[in-house]
Structure formats: C-alpha cells, structure tokens
C-alpha atoms as a PDB file:
ATOM      1  CA  MET A   1      -3.669 -19.258  49.891  1.00  0.00           C
ATOM      2  CA  LYS A   2      -7.221 -19.641  51.098  1.00  0.00           C
ATOM      3  CA  ARG A   3      -8.068 -16.263  49.650  1.00  0.00           C
ATOM      4  CA  PHE A   4      -6.782 -17.389  46.241  1.00  0.00           C
ATOM      5  CA  ILE A   5      -8.866 -20.567  46.371  1.00  0.00           C
ATOM      6  CA  ASN A   6     -11.942 -18.551  47.315  1.00  0.00           C
ATOM      7  CA  LEU A   7     -11.275 -16.227  44.402  1.00  0.00           C
ATOM      8  CA  ILE A   8     -11.063 -19.155  41.981  1.00  0.00           C
ATOM      9  CA  LYS A   9     -14.312 -20.606  43.330  1.00  0.00           C
ATOM     10  CA  ASN A  10     -16.123 -17.311  42.818  1.00  0.00           C
ATOM     11  CA  LYS A  11     -18.478 -17.734  39.852  1.00  0.00           C
ATOM     12  CA  PHE A  12     -18.301 -14.055  38.867  1.00  0.00           C
ATOM     13  CA  PHE A  13     -14.519 -14.193  38.731  1.00  0.00           C
ATOM     14  CA  LEU A  14     -14.614 -17.380  36.659  1.00  0.00           C
ATOM     15  CA  ILE A  15     -17.130 -15.954  34.213  1.00  0.00           C
ATOM     16  CA  THR A  16     -15.040 -12.782  33.884  1.00  0.00           C
ATOM     17  CA  VAL A  17     -11.872 -14.784  33.211  1.00  0.00           C
ATOM     18  CA  ILE A  18     -13.652 -16.966  30.652  1.00  0.00           C
ATOM     19  CA  PHE A  19     -15.090 -13.872  28.971  1.00  0.00           C
ATOM     20  CA  VAL A  20     -11.678 -12.175  28.771  1.00  0.00           C
ATOM     21  CA  VAL A  21     -10.018 -15.322  27.393  1.00  0.00           C
ATOM     22  CA  TRP A  22     -12.800 -15.705  24.841  1.00  0.00           C
ATOM     23  CA  MET A  23     -12.487 -12.080  23.694  1.00  0.00           C
ATOM     24  CA  ILE A  24      -8.692 -12.248  23.458  1.00  0.00           C
ATOM     25  CA  PHE A  25      -8.293 -15.571  21.664  1.00  0.00           C
ATOM     26  CA  PHE A  26     -11.531 -16.939  20.178  1.00  0.00           C
ATOM     27  CA  ASP A  27     -13.697 -14.010  19.103  1.00  0.00           C
ATOM     28  CA  LYS A  28     -13.718 -12.887  15.450  1.00  0.00           C
ATOM     29  CA  ASN A  29     -12.050  -9.651  16.585  1.00  0.00           C
ATOM     30  CA  ASP A  30      -9.316 -11.283  18.655  1.00  0.00           C
ATOM     31  CA  LEU A  31      -5.858  -9.796  19.167  1.00  0.00           C
ATOM     32  CA  PHE A  32      -4.269 -11.689  16.276  1.00  0.00           C
ATOM     33  CA  SER A  33      -6.932 -10.452  13.852  1.00  0.00           C
ATOM     34  CA  GLN A  34      -6.533  -6.900  15.101  1.00  0.00           C
ATOM     35  CA  TYR A  35      -2.769  -7.126  14.534  1.00  0.00           C
ATOM     36  CA  GLN A  36      -3.319  -8.364  10.979  1.00  0.00           C
ATOM     37  CA  TYR A  37      -5.825  -5.573  10.324  1.00  0.00           C
ATOM     38  CA  LYS A  38      -3.306  -2.989  11.541  1.00  0.00           C
ATOM     39  CA  GLN A  39      -0.630  -4.386   9.210  1.00  0.00           C
ATOM     40  CA  GLN A  40      -3.030  -4.429   6.270  1.00  0.00           C
ATOM     41  CA  LEU A  41      -4.100  -0.854   7.026  1.00  0.00           C
ATOM     42  CA  SER A  42      -0.480   0.278   7.142  1.00  0.00           C
ATOM     43  CA  LYS A  43       0.244  -1.410   3.808  1.00  0.00           C
ATOM     44  CA  LEU A  44      -2.826   0.157   2.194  1.00  0.00           C
ATOM     45  CA  GLU A  45      -1.888   3.607   3.505  1.00  0.00           C
ATOM     46  CA  GLN A  46       1.582   3.243   1.982  1.00  0.00           C
ATOM     47  CA  GLU A  47       0.036   2.232  -1.336  1.00  0.00           C
ATOM     48  CA  ARG A  48      -2.364   5.187  -1.144  1.00  0.00           C
ATOM     49  CA  ASP A  49       0.525   7.602  -0.580  1.00  0.00           C
ATOM     50  CA  PHE A  50       2.474   6.065  -3.472  1.00  0.00           C
ATOM     51  CA  TYR A  51      -0.457   6.356  -5.865  1.00  0.00           C
ATOM     52  CA  LYS A  52      -1.190   9.933  -4.774  1.00  0.00           C
ATOM     53  CA  ALA A  53       2.424  10.856  -5.532  1.00  0.00           C
ATOM     54  CA  GLU A  54       2.273   9.087  -8.893  1.00  0.00           C
ATOM     55  CA  THR A  55      -1.002  10.818  -9.758  1.00  0.00           C
ATOM     56  CA  ALA A  56       0.480  14.211  -8.926  1.00  0.00           C
ATOM     57  CA  LYS A  57       3.529  13.428 -11.069  1.00  0.00           C
ATOM     58  CA  VAL A  58       1.387  12.321 -14.029  1.00  0.00           C
ATOM     59  CA  ASN A  59      -0.855  15.384 -13.722  1.00  0.00           C
ATOM     60  CA  LYS A  60       2.222  17.627 -13.735  1.00  0.00           C
ATOM     61  CA  ASP A  61       3.559  15.870 -16.842  1.00  0.00           C
ATOM     62  CA  LEU A  62       0.161  16.165 -18.520  1.00  0.00           C
ATOM     63  CA  ASP A  63       0.003  19.891 -17.810  1.00  0.00           C
ATOM     64  CA  GLU A  64       3.494  20.333 -19.249  1.00  0.00           C
ATOM     65  CA  LEU A  65       2.656  18.314 -22.362  1.00  0.00           C
ATOM     66  CA  THR A  66      -0.580  20.163 -23.063  1.00  0.00           C
ATOM     67  CA  SER A  67       0.962  23.601 -22.569  1.00  0.00           C
ATOM     68  CA  ASP A  68       4.323  23.254 -24.337  1.00  0.00           C
ATOM     69  CA  LYS A  69       4.573  21.995 -27.936  1.00  0.00           C
ATOM     70  CA  ALA A  70       8.328  21.383 -27.689  1.00  0.00           C
ATOM     71  CA  LYS A  71       7.901  19.068 -24.710  1.00  0.00           C
ATOM     72  CA  LEU A  72       5.052  17.274 -26.477  1.00  0.00           C
ATOM     73  CA  GLU A  73       7.258  16.686 -29.500  1.00  0.00           C
ATOM     74  CA  LYS A  74      10.134  15.476 -27.311  1.00  0.00           C
ATOM     75  CA  PHE A  75       7.798  13.103 -25.456  1.00  0.00           C
ATOM     76  CA  ALA A  76       6.399  11.675 -28.714  1.00  0.00           C
ATOM     77  CA  ARG A  77       9.876  11.173 -30.129  1.00  0.00           C
ATOM     78  CA  GLU A  78      11.229   9.432 -27.020  1.00  0.00           C
ATOM     79  CA  LYS A  79       8.267   7.292 -26.042  1.00  0.00           C
ATOM     80  CA  TYR A  80       6.647   6.421 -29.348  1.00  0.00           C
ATOM     81  CA  LEU A  81       9.650   6.765 -31.689  1.00  0.00           C
ATOM     82  CA  MET A  82       7.818   9.267 -33.877  1.00  0.00           C
ATOM     83  CA  LYS A  83       9.784  11.166 -36.492  1.00  0.00           C
ATOM     84  CA  LYS A  84       9.456  13.794 -39.135  1.00  0.00           C
ATOM     85  CA  ASP A  85       9.243  12.789 -42.792  1.00  0.00           C
ATOM     86  CA  ASN A  86      12.830  13.667 -43.618  1.00  0.00           C
ATOM     87  CA  GLU A  87      14.407  11.968 -40.565  1.00  0.00           C
ATOM     88  CA  ASP A  88      15.706   8.495 -39.840  1.00  0.00           C
ATOM     89  CA  VAL A  89      15.386   6.968 -36.368  1.00  0.00           C
ATOM     90  CA  PHE A  90      17.971   4.566 -35.025  1.00  0.00           C
ATOM     91  CA  VAL A  91      17.148   2.620 -31.867  1.00  0.00           C
ATOM     92  CA  ILE A  92      20.166   1.379 -29.943  1.00  0.00           C
ATOM     93  CA  GLU A  93      19.546  -1.311 -27.379  1.00  0.00           C
ATOM     94  CA  HIS A  94      22.320  -2.324 -25.042  1.00  0.00           C
ATOM     95  CA  GLU A  95      22.606  -5.961 -23.999  1.00  0.00           C
ATOM     96  CA  LYS A  96      21.995  -6.623 -20.338  1.00  0.00           C
ATOM     97  CA  LYS A  97      24.838  -8.341 -18.536  1.00  0.00           C
ATOM     98  CA  ASN A  98      23.840 -11.318 -16.416  1.00  0.00           C
END
C-alpha cells in the first residue's frame, strides 16, 4: 500500500497520467475523433468503389453505343422515345400499388 501511495505522489507519474488522459480524451485527435475519422474513411471508400464501378459501366455502355448503330438506335428509342417518321409510339405506364 505504501508503494502505491509513493507512486501516486511521484510527480513524473502524475504528469504522465495527466498527459495520457489529456491525449485520450481532450486533445483534438482523441480516441472518439479517431473512431469517427475511421468510419468516415470507410464510408468514403465504399462510395469511391461504387462510383468506380458505375464509371466502368457507363464507359462500357458508351463504347457499345459509339461502335454499334443498332444499339444506339435501341438506346434512343427506349430512353428518349425517338421514332422513325412512319411509326407511332405508345407509352404504357403501369399504376404503382400502394
């Protein structure tokens, strides 16, 4: 017990404990902030991977559309409802059930 009391009275020990507590809880880079930064980094990495996949998909579609006239015509008909002069286009929309 006396050894413990002597340890607590030691100024170097006290300063070290205060320093560690300060760095863990009160510093701008404390443990809670580091945890939040890790979560934010993980979220941003997931978003980066998603956008890389989407970019690759769009580039593939663009290559297909620029190289194949039939696919370009199909894309224009489906997305932009384009038609030839002698055709009629009917758009059928189904009601969404609540």
